[in-house]
Amino acid sequence: MARRSLEDILAGSELDHILQQSKPGCELVHYDIQPAAQGLIGFLGDHLKVTLRVKRNETLEKIQLFIKTVPMYNKPKADFITENCFYEKEALIYKIIDEMDETDGNDSWSPKSLIHNDRVLAMLDLSVDGYKSLPVLEYFDRNHVLVTASAIARFHAAYANYVTKKSTELLDYNILDDYQLVATESVFKRCPVLYAAAKLTSTFIKEFLKVSDVYPNNLEEIVYDVFVKGSETLRERPDTLNVLLHRDLWTNNIMFKYKEEVPTRAILVDYQCVRYGPPAFDLMIFLYLTTSTNFRDLYEKEVFNHYFSVFTHNLDEPTRKRLEKYNYNLEAFLSLCEEARLFALVEALTIFPFVLMDPKTAQVTFDDPTTFTDLIEGDRSAPVMALARRNIKYRKRQVEVCEEFIKQYVNLKNT
């Protein structure tokens, strides 16, 4: 990534706002800009660590920021981001989070944004306070899962309470009346990006799964049809509770704080893919993106019950009464979890080739403007299969979800 100046990243008024919010009365003396990591840690922007050295009351201090911007040196990626309104979505969510006033205290599930708009997001660097993410190829254990499920539950409960406050006795508030943006989808719909994912999945199945001696010639069309079917399950359901969904709860979008190496708190970051629908979708997406099949077999019910308990505990009394008309109880939630399972699998199959790559390989593969569009919308089999052949962990994580997908949703005997 080429060097960027502070003026490239923040407008003067934005910098002034950050200084005033962080250390009122300070004056900028110097700044330093570094990549947030060596390689690619996210796919929808340039990720930076920015240190502002300031003077306040004759004392030198510093403000440490995490900043994400639309790419400056990869126009195809920047166009993809802009066309799909990823930064507008995230700015909207942080606006609502500000209105919910949920970013302070020990139960907070989201950081506070200092700047959010259609080209940049800036917040205090969470790593300074000890927050960190797990390695991308590492499965979450029970402690990490339960702490994250609690954060997801508080997020959903906070939104449910927010809706109650904006509703009337006769009519529940519906965010889609104001912001259709949260109903839009960039990947999980009938489109070239999803077809490219189905094509890669079928290639992966043929090489690494030994479930059939002969695969049908139209396997990628069969897989694509199931991908589209799964994608269509994530939508607003008028007969039950709908909330804002993070919809992208993979490893790098969850940060943990620890006490004696035990996770005590999880923070959810990166709301660029937000959607609107039943809460169960977020929990199932999270489980399929971060845990093993064996873990889900052993602990899934416990996680469901834990999530629902925390969710219910964080509802205010008016919201509890409002949800009675939907008969939104544990049984209804568990039924929706089963409905969300296919979508969660489709998301795992679609994004694992990207997010499970080590950052340096991901940058070389997916951050080249000359090949970006073809890899996203055409065929990304070559670099993914090459890495899968030489990296056992990368391969096994994807084989595992492929096996469940084939077993549960693709009947090869009738093709």
Protein backbone atom coordinates (compact mmCIF):
# COMPACT_ATOMS: atom_id res chain seq x y z
CA MET A 1 0.00 0.00 0.00
CA ALA A 2 1.40 3.40 -0.96
CA ARG A 3 1.97 5.97 1.76
CA ARG A 4 -0.95 8.27 2.46
CA SER A 5 -1.04 11.61 4.23
CA LEU A 6 -3.53 12.53 6.92
CA GLU A 7 -5.09 14.99 4.46
CA ASP A 8 -5.75 12.07 2.08
CA ILE A 9 -7.73 10.31 4.79
CA LEU A 10 -9.54 12.94 6.86
CA ALA A 11 -11.06 16.30 5.99
CA GLY A 12 -10.04 19.18 8.24
CA SER A 13 -13.44 19.26 9.95
CA GLU A 14 -13.24 15.50 10.60
CA LEU A 15 -9.81 15.81 12.19
CA ASP A 16 -11.02 18.71 14.34
CA HIS A 17 -13.98 16.60 15.50
CA ILE A 18 -11.71 13.69 16.47
CA LEU A 19 -9.38 15.98 18.42
CA GLN A 20 -12.26 17.66 20.25
CA GLN A 21 -13.99 14.37 21.08
CA SER A 22 -10.80 12.64 22.22
CA LYS A 23 -8.83 15.34 24.02
CA PRO A 24 -10.71 18.67 24.14
CA GLY A 25 -8.50 21.70 23.75
CA CYS A 26 -5.55 19.85 22.24
CA GLU A 27 -3.44 20.88 19.25
CA LEU A 28 -2.03 18.47 16.66
CA VAL A 29 1.77 18.39 16.65
CA HIS A 30 2.62 15.34 14.53
CA TYR A 31 1.05 12.16 13.16
CA ASP A 32 2.08 8.68 12.05
CA ILE A 33 0.19 6.37 9.68
CA GLN A 34 0.85 2.63 9.41
CA PRO A 35 -1.05 -0.32 7.89
CA ALA A 36 -3.22 -1.98 10.54
CA ALA A 37 -1.48 -5.27 9.74
CA GLN A 38 1.06 -6.78 7.39
CA GLY A 39 -1.25 -7.89 4.62
CA LEU A 40 -5.01 -7.85 4.15
CA ILE A 41 -7.16 -8.08 7.32
CA GLY A 42 -10.40 -6.98 5.69
CA PHE A 43 -11.71 -7.00 2.14
CA LEU A 44 -13.73 -3.79 1.94
CA GLY A 45 -11.22 -1.03 2.48
CA ASP A 46 -7.75 0.09 3.49
CA HIS A 47 -7.17 -0.53 7.21
CA LEU A 48 -4.83 1.86 9.03
CA LYS A 49 -3.44 2.58 12.48
CA VAL A 50 -3.04 6.34 12.95
CA THR A 51 -1.28 7.96 15.90
CA LEU A 52 -1.97 11.65 16.50
CA ARG A 53 0.60 13.35 18.72
CA VAL A 54 -1.02 16.35 20.36
CA LYS A 55 -0.22 19.06 22.90
CA ARG A 56 -2.68 19.94 25.65
CA ASN A 57 -1.89 22.26 28.55
CA GLU A 58 1.80 22.17 27.58
CA THR A 59 1.77 18.36 27.87
CA LEU A 60 2.43 16.01 24.95
CA GLU A 61 -0.19 13.26 24.57
CA LYS A 62 -1.28 10.87 21.84
CA ILE A 63 -4.53 9.66 20.30
CA GLN A 64 -4.39 6.20 18.74
CA LEU A 65 -6.94 5.51 16.03
CA PHE A 66 -8.12 2.70 13.81
CA ILE A 67 -9.24 4.07 10.44
CA LYS A 68 -10.84 2.29 7.50
CA THR A 69 -11.17 4.04 4.15
CA VAL A 70 -12.33 3.31 0.63
CA PRO A 71 -9.20 2.10 -1.22
CA MET A 72 -7.23 4.84 -2.92
CA TYR A 73 -5.07 2.67 -5.19
CA ASN A 74 -7.47 -0.10 -6.26
CA LYS A 75 -10.20 1.47 -8.37
CA PRO A 76 -12.11 -1.76 -9.19
CA LYS A 77 -12.36 -2.56 -5.49
CA ALA A 78 -13.31 1.04 -4.66
CA ASP A 79 -16.04 0.91 -7.32
CA PHE A 80 -17.34 -2.41 -5.94
CA ILE A 81 -17.48 -0.89 -2.45
CA THR A 82 -19.20 2.29 -3.61
CA GLU A 83 -21.74 0.52 -5.82
CA ASN A 84 -22.79 -1.72 -2.94
CA CYS A 85 -22.99 1.09 -0.36
CA PHE A 86 -20.86 -0.73 2.23
CA TYR A 87 -19.69 2.46 3.96
CA GLU A 88 -23.17 4.01 3.90
CA LYS A 89 -24.50 0.90 5.64
CA GLU A 90 -21.87 1.06 8.34
CA ALA A 91 -22.38 4.81 8.83
CA LEU A 92 -26.11 4.20 9.27
CA ILE A 93 -25.51 1.53 11.90
CA TYR A 94 -23.16 3.73 13.90
CA LYS A 95 -25.74 6.53 13.72
CA ILE A 96 -28.32 4.15 15.22
CA ILE A 97 -25.81 2.86 17.79
CA ASP A 98 -25.26 6.47 18.88
CA GLU A 99 -29.03 6.88 19.26
CA MET A 100 -29.24 3.66 21.30
CA ASP A 101 -26.41 4.90 23.58
CA GLU A 102 -24.97 1.40 23.94
CA THR A 103 -21.21 1.97 23.67
CA ASP A 104 -20.33 2.63 27.31
CA GLY A 105 -20.12 0.30 30.29
CA ASN A 106 -19.15 -3.31 30.83
CA ASP A 107 -22.05 -4.63 28.75
CA SER A 108 -21.25 -2.68 25.60
CA TRP A 109 -21.11 -4.82 22.46
CA SER A 110 -19.87 -2.20 19.99
CA PRO A 111 -17.15 0.43 19.91
CA LYS A 112 -18.02 4.08 19.49
CA SER A 113 -17.29 5.60 16.11
CA LEU A 114 -15.72 9.06 15.95
CA ILE A 115 -16.27 9.55 12.21
CA HIS A 116 -18.54 7.53 9.92
CA ASN A 117 -19.59 8.44 6.39
CA ASP A 118 -19.57 7.09 2.84
CA ARG A 119 -15.76 6.98 2.55
CA VAL A 120 -14.18 6.65 6.00
CA LEU A 121 -14.69 5.15 9.45
CA ALA A 122 -12.55 6.29 12.40
CA MET A 123 -12.57 5.07 16.00
CA LEU A 124 -10.19 4.72 18.91
CA ASP A 125 -7.83 1.77 18.47
CA LEU A 126 -9.32 -1.05 20.55
CA SER A 127 -6.00 -2.89 20.74
CA VAL A 128 -4.68 -0.13 23.01
CA ASP A 129 -7.22 -1.31 25.61
CA GLY A 130 -6.17 -4.93 25.19
CA TYR A 131 -8.74 -6.11 22.65
CA LYS A 132 -7.59 -8.59 20.03
CA SER A 133 -8.96 -11.06 17.50
CA LEU A 134 -8.10 -14.74 17.21
CA PRO A 135 -6.02 -16.08 14.28
CA VAL A 136 -8.25 -16.65 11.25
CA LEU A 137 -7.65 -20.42 11.05
CA GLU A 138 -8.26 -21.02 14.75
CA TYR A 139 -11.66 -22.39 15.80
CA PHE A 140 -13.41 -20.61 18.67
CA ASP A 141 -13.63 -22.63 21.88
CA ARG A 142 -16.62 -22.71 24.22
CA ASN A 143 -15.55 -19.65 26.23
CA HIS A 144 -15.05 -17.47 23.15
CA VAL A 145 -18.36 -18.66 21.68
CA LEU A 146 -20.41 -17.93 24.81
CA VAL A 147 -18.86 -14.49 25.29
CA THR A 148 -19.58 -13.63 21.65
CA ALA A 149 -23.12 -15.02 21.82
CA SER A 150 -23.71 -12.69 24.78
CA ALA A 151 -22.55 -9.69 22.73
CA ILE A 152 -24.77 -10.68 19.79
CA ALA A 153 -27.74 -11.10 22.15
CA ARG A 154 -27.19 -7.64 23.68
CA PHE A 155 -26.92 -6.12 20.20
CA HIS A 156 -30.24 -7.64 19.16
CA ALA A 157 -31.95 -6.75 22.45
CA ALA A 158 -30.72 -3.15 22.23
CA TYR A 159 -32.21 -2.86 18.75
CA ALA A 160 -35.51 -4.42 19.87
CA ASN A 161 -35.69 -1.88 22.73
CA TYR A 162 -34.84 0.91 20.28
CA VAL A 163 -37.73 -0.11 18.01
CA THR A 164 -40.13 -0.13 20.96
CA LYS A 165 -39.19 3.46 21.82
CA LYS A 166 -39.84 4.53 18.21
CA SER A 167 -43.16 2.64 17.92
CA THR A 168 -46.72 3.68 18.71
CA GLU A 169 -49.48 1.65 20.35
CA LEU A 170 -50.96 0.86 16.95
CA LEU A 171 -47.87 0.45 14.79
CA ASP A 172 -44.39 -0.96 15.31
CA TYR A 173 -41.56 1.09 13.86
CA ASN A 174 -40.00 -0.53 10.78
CA ILE A 175 -36.53 0.65 9.80
CA LEU A 176 -37.23 -0.24 6.16
CA ASP A 177 -39.67 2.68 6.02
CA ASP A 178 -36.70 5.01 6.51
CA TYR A 179 -33.71 3.03 5.30
CA GLN A 180 -34.27 0.50 2.51
CA LEU A 181 -30.48 0.22 2.45
CA VAL A 182 -30.50 -2.50 5.13
CA ALA A 183 -32.63 -4.72 2.89
CA THR A 184 -30.08 -4.63 0.06
CA GLU A 185 -27.57 -7.43 -0.50
CA SER A 186 -24.33 -7.36 -2.47
CA VAL A 187 -23.35 -11.05 -2.58
CA PHE A 188 -26.10 -13.37 -1.37
CA LYS A 189 -28.50 -13.08 -4.28
CA ARG A 190 -28.62 -14.26 -7.87
CA CYS A 191 -25.50 -12.49 -9.17
CA PRO A 192 -22.03 -13.16 -10.68
CA VAL A 193 -20.30 -12.99 -7.28
CA LEU A 194 -22.44 -15.81 -5.88
CA TYR A 195 -22.08 -17.85 -9.07
CA ALA A 196 -18.30 -17.55 -8.78
CA ALA A 197 -18.62 -18.88 -5.22
CA ALA A 198 -20.70 -21.84 -6.42
CA LYS A 199 -18.19 -22.54 -9.18
CA LEU A 200 -15.33 -22.63 -6.68
CA THR A 201 -17.31 -24.79 -4.25
CA SER A 202 -18.04 -27.35 -6.98
CA THR A 203 -14.34 -27.41 -7.92
CA PHE A 204 -13.43 -27.90 -4.26
CA ILE A 205 -15.95 -30.73 -3.89
CA LYS A 206 -14.66 -32.57 -6.96
CA GLU A 207 -11.03 -32.46 -5.85
CA PHE A 208 -11.20 -32.87 -2.09
CA LEU A 209 -14.43 -34.73 -1.26
CA LYS A 210 -14.71 -38.45 -1.97
CA VAL A 211 -18.50 -38.64 -1.94
CA SER A 212 -18.98 -39.74 -5.54
CA ASP A 213 -16.96 -41.46 -8.26
CA VAL A 214 -18.66 -39.43 -10.97
CA TYR A 215 -20.04 -35.92 -10.49
CA PRO A 216 -22.72 -34.47 -12.77
CA ASN A 217 -21.52 -32.14 -15.51
CA ASN A 218 -23.80 -29.42 -14.15
CA LEU A 219 -22.59 -29.63 -10.54
CA GLU A 220 -21.82 -25.92 -10.33
CA GLU A 221 -25.37 -25.08 -11.52
CA ILE A 222 -26.78 -27.46 -8.89
CA VAL A 223 -24.66 -25.83 -6.19
CA TYR A 224 -25.58 -22.35 -7.43
CA ASP A 225 -29.30 -23.13 -7.25
CA VAL A 226 -28.91 -24.21 -3.61
CA PHE A 227 -26.82 -21.10 -2.88
CA VAL A 228 -29.59 -18.90 -4.29
CA LYS A 229 -32.24 -20.81 -2.33
CA GLY A 230 -30.26 -20.36 0.87
CA SER A 231 -29.64 -16.68 0.17
CA GLU A 232 -33.36 -16.03 -0.23
CA THR A 233 -34.10 -17.28 3.29
CA LEU A 234 -32.55 -14.14 4.81
CA ARG A 235 -35.31 -11.57 4.60
CA GLU A 236 -37.74 -9.66 6.76
CA ARG A 237 -40.37 -11.94 8.31
CA PRO A 238 -43.52 -9.91 9.14
CA ASP A 239 -44.85 -12.60 11.51
CA THR A 240 -41.89 -12.59 13.92
CA LEU A 241 -39.19 -10.41 15.45
CA ASN A 242 -36.81 -8.72 13.01
CA VAL A 243 -33.66 -6.87 14.04
CA LEU A 244 -30.60 -5.35 12.49
CA LEU A 245 -28.20 -8.19 11.69
CA HIS A 246 -24.43 -7.86 11.58
CA ARG A 247 -24.41 -10.61 8.89
CA ASP A 248 -20.62 -10.89 8.75
CA LEU A 249 -19.51 -12.36 12.07
CA TRP A 250 -16.23 -13.98 11.08
CA THR A 251 -13.10 -14.01 13.19
CA ASN A 252 -11.67 -10.58 12.36
CA ASN A 253 -14.98 -8.86 13.12
CA ILE A 254 -15.00 -10.00 16.75
CA MET A 255 -12.50 -8.64 19.28
CA PHE A 256 -11.97 -9.98 22.78
CA LYS A 257 -10.78 -8.65 26.09
CA TYR A 258 -9.14 -11.13 28.44
CA LYS A 259 -8.49 -11.67 32.12
CA GLU A 260 -5.76 -14.23 32.78
CA GLU A 261 -6.12 -15.55 29.22
CA VAL A 262 -9.88 -16.13 29.60
CA PRO A 263 -12.14 -14.03 27.33
CA THR A 264 -14.37 -11.82 29.44
CA ARG A 265 -15.90 -9.55 26.83
CA ALA A 266 -16.50 -9.47 23.07
CA ILE A 267 -16.91 -6.42 20.87
CA LEU A 268 -18.51 -6.62 17.41
CA VAL A 269 -16.91 -4.49 14.70
CA ASP A 270 -17.37 -3.85 10.97
CA TYR A 271 -21.05 -3.35 10.13
CA GLN A 272 -20.62 -2.96 6.35
CA CYS A 273 -22.75 -5.99 5.48
CA VAL A 274 -25.67 -5.26 7.81
CA ARG A 275 -29.07 -6.73 6.95
CA TYR A 276 -32.53 -6.86 8.53
CA GLY A 277 -34.24 -10.11 9.54
CA PRO A 278 -34.75 -12.65 12.35
CA PRO A 279 -32.00 -12.66 15.03
CA ALA A 280 -31.33 -16.39 14.54
CA PHE A 281 -29.47 -15.66 11.30
CA ASP A 282 -26.68 -13.77 13.07
CA LEU A 283 -26.15 -16.53 15.60
CA MET A 284 -26.06 -19.28 12.98
CA ILE A 285 -23.73 -17.29 10.72
CA PHE A 286 -21.41 -16.75 13.68
CA LEU A 287 -21.37 -20.44 14.59
CA TYR A 288 -20.65 -21.63 11.04
CA LEU A 289 -17.91 -19.05 10.49
CA THR A 290 -16.03 -19.71 13.74
CA THR A 291 -16.67 -23.25 15.05
CA SER A 292 -16.18 -26.85 13.95
CA THR A 293 -18.87 -29.39 13.12
CA ASN A 294 -17.87 -31.33 16.22
CA PHE A 295 -18.25 -28.21 18.39
CA ARG A 296 -21.72 -27.53 17.01
CA ASP A 297 -22.76 -31.14 17.61
CA LEU A 298 -21.64 -30.88 21.24
CA TYR A 299 -22.57 -27.32 22.23
CA GLU A 300 -25.08 -25.88 19.78
CA LYS A 301 -28.09 -26.28 22.09
CA GLU A 302 -26.19 -24.74 24.98
CA VAL A 303 -25.24 -21.75 22.82
CA PHE A 304 -28.84 -21.30 21.64
CA ASN A 305 -30.14 -21.34 25.22
CA HIS A 306 -27.38 -19.02 26.44
CA TYR A 307 -28.03 -16.51 23.66
CA PHE A 308 -31.78 -16.49 24.27
CA SER A 309 -31.34 -16.10 28.02
CA VAL A 310 -29.04 -13.08 27.61
CA PHE A 311 -31.32 -11.61 24.93
CA THR A 312 -34.40 -11.91 27.15
CA HIS A 313 -32.56 -10.52 30.19
CA ASN A 314 -31.64 -7.37 28.24
CA LEU A 315 -35.15 -6.57 27.00
CA ASP A 316 -36.97 -3.76 28.76
CA GLU A 317 -40.52 -4.38 29.97
CA PRO A 318 -42.32 -2.52 27.13
CA THR A 319 -40.37 -4.59 24.60
CA ARG A 320 -41.25 -7.85 26.36
CA LYS A 321 -44.91 -6.92 26.04
CA ARG A 322 -44.49 -5.89 22.40
CA LEU A 323 -42.93 -9.23 21.51
CA GLU A 324 -45.82 -11.18 23.03
CA LYS A 325 -47.90 -10.50 19.92
CA TYR A 326 -45.31 -12.36 17.83
CA ASN A 327 -45.22 -15.33 20.23
CA TYR A 328 -41.47 -14.86 20.10
CA ASN A 329 -40.31 -17.47 22.60
CA LEU A 330 -37.46 -19.98 22.78
CA GLU A 331 -39.33 -22.49 20.62
CA ALA A 332 -39.89 -19.92 17.86
CA PHE A 333 -36.25 -18.84 18.04
CA LEU A 334 -34.99 -22.44 17.76
CA SER A 335 -37.20 -23.04 14.73
CA LEU A 336 -35.71 -19.97 13.04
CA CYS A 337 -32.20 -21.22 13.84
CA GLU A 338 -32.93 -24.31 11.77
CA GLU A 339 -34.27 -22.16 8.94
CA ALA A 340 -31.07 -20.07 9.05
CA ARG A 341 -28.73 -23.06 8.86
CA LEU A 342 -28.57 -23.20 5.05
CA PHE A 343 -27.80 -19.50 4.76
CA ALA A 344 -25.01 -19.87 7.33
CA LEU A 345 -23.50 -22.74 5.35
CA VAL A 346 -23.73 -20.79 2.09
CA GLU A 347 -22.00 -17.81 3.68
CA ALA A 348 -19.22 -20.01 5.05
CA LEU A 349 -18.67 -21.65 1.66
CA THR A 350 -18.68 -18.25 -0.05
CA ILE A 351 -16.33 -16.27 2.19
CA PHE A 352 -13.98 -18.93 3.62
CA PRO A 353 -11.73 -18.87 0.53
CA PHE A 354 -11.13 -15.17 1.30
CA VAL A 355 -11.18 -14.86 5.08
CA LEU A 356 -9.23 -18.01 5.94
CA MET A 357 -6.24 -16.90 3.87
CA ASP A 358 -3.29 -15.53 5.80
CA PRO A 359 -3.16 -11.72 5.39
CA LYS A 360 -0.10 -11.64 3.14
CA THR A 361 -1.46 -14.24 0.71
CA ALA A 362 -4.85 -12.52 0.73
CA GLN A 363 -3.26 -9.20 -0.17
CA VAL A 364 -1.29 -10.67 -3.07
CA THR A 365 -4.36 -12.58 -4.30
CA PHE A 366 -7.28 -10.21 -3.81
CA ASP A 367 -5.80 -6.70 -3.70
CA ASP A 368 -4.48 -6.45 -7.26
CA PRO A 369 -6.57 -4.00 -9.31
CA THR A 370 -5.70 -5.83 -12.55
CA THR A 371 -7.30 -9.10 -11.39
CA PHE A 372 -9.80 -7.99 -8.72
CA THR A 373 -12.98 -8.04 -10.82
CA ASP A 374 -12.24 -11.38 -12.47
CA LEU A 375 -11.54 -13.06 -9.12
CA ILE A 376 -14.66 -11.60 -7.50
CA GLU A 377 -17.12 -12.09 -10.36
CA GLY A 378 -15.42 -14.70 -12.55
CA ASP A 379 -13.24 -17.60 -11.43
CA ARG A 380 -11.07 -17.59 -8.30
CA SER A 381 -10.40 -21.33 -8.35
CA ALA A 382 -6.71 -21.15 -9.31
CA PRO A 383 -5.30 -19.24 -6.31
CA VAL A 384 -7.70 -20.82 -3.81
CA MET A 385 -7.09 -24.40 -4.93
CA ALA A 386 -3.33 -23.82 -5.02
CA LEU A 387 -3.36 -22.66 -1.39
CA ALA A 388 -5.72 -25.49 -0.37
CA ARG A 389 -3.33 -28.09 -1.79
CA ARG A 390 -0.40 -26.83 0.28
CA ASN A 391 -2.13 -25.60 3.47
CA ILE A 392 -3.86 -28.40 5.36
CA LYS A 393 -5.72 -26.17 7.85
CA TYR A 394 -7.05 -23.92 5.10
CA ARG A 395 -8.23 -26.97 3.18
CA LYS A 396 -9.77 -28.82 6.14
CA ARG A 397 -11.85 -25.86 7.29
CA GLN A 398 -13.47 -25.70 3.85
CA VAL A 399 -13.78 -29.46 3.37
CA GLU A 400 -15.74 -29.63 6.62
CA VAL A 401 -18.44 -27.20 5.49
CA CYS A 402 -18.49 -28.74 2.01
CA GLU A 403 -19.21 -32.14 3.55
CA GLU A 404 -22.15 -30.84 5.57
CA PHE A 405 -23.47 -28.90 2.58
CA ILE A 406 -23.41 -31.97 0.31
CA LYS A 407 -24.84 -34.28 2.97
CA GLN A 408 -27.72 -32.02 3.96
CA TYR A 409 -28.64 -30.06 0.85
CA VAL A 410 -27.32 -31.67 -2.37
CA ASN A 411 -28.63 -35.09 -3.38
CA LEU A 412 -26.03 -36.35 -5.85
CA LYS A 413 -27.85 -39.67 -6.30
CA ASN A 414 -30.69 -37.98 -8.14
CA THR A 415 -28.55 -35.82 -10.42
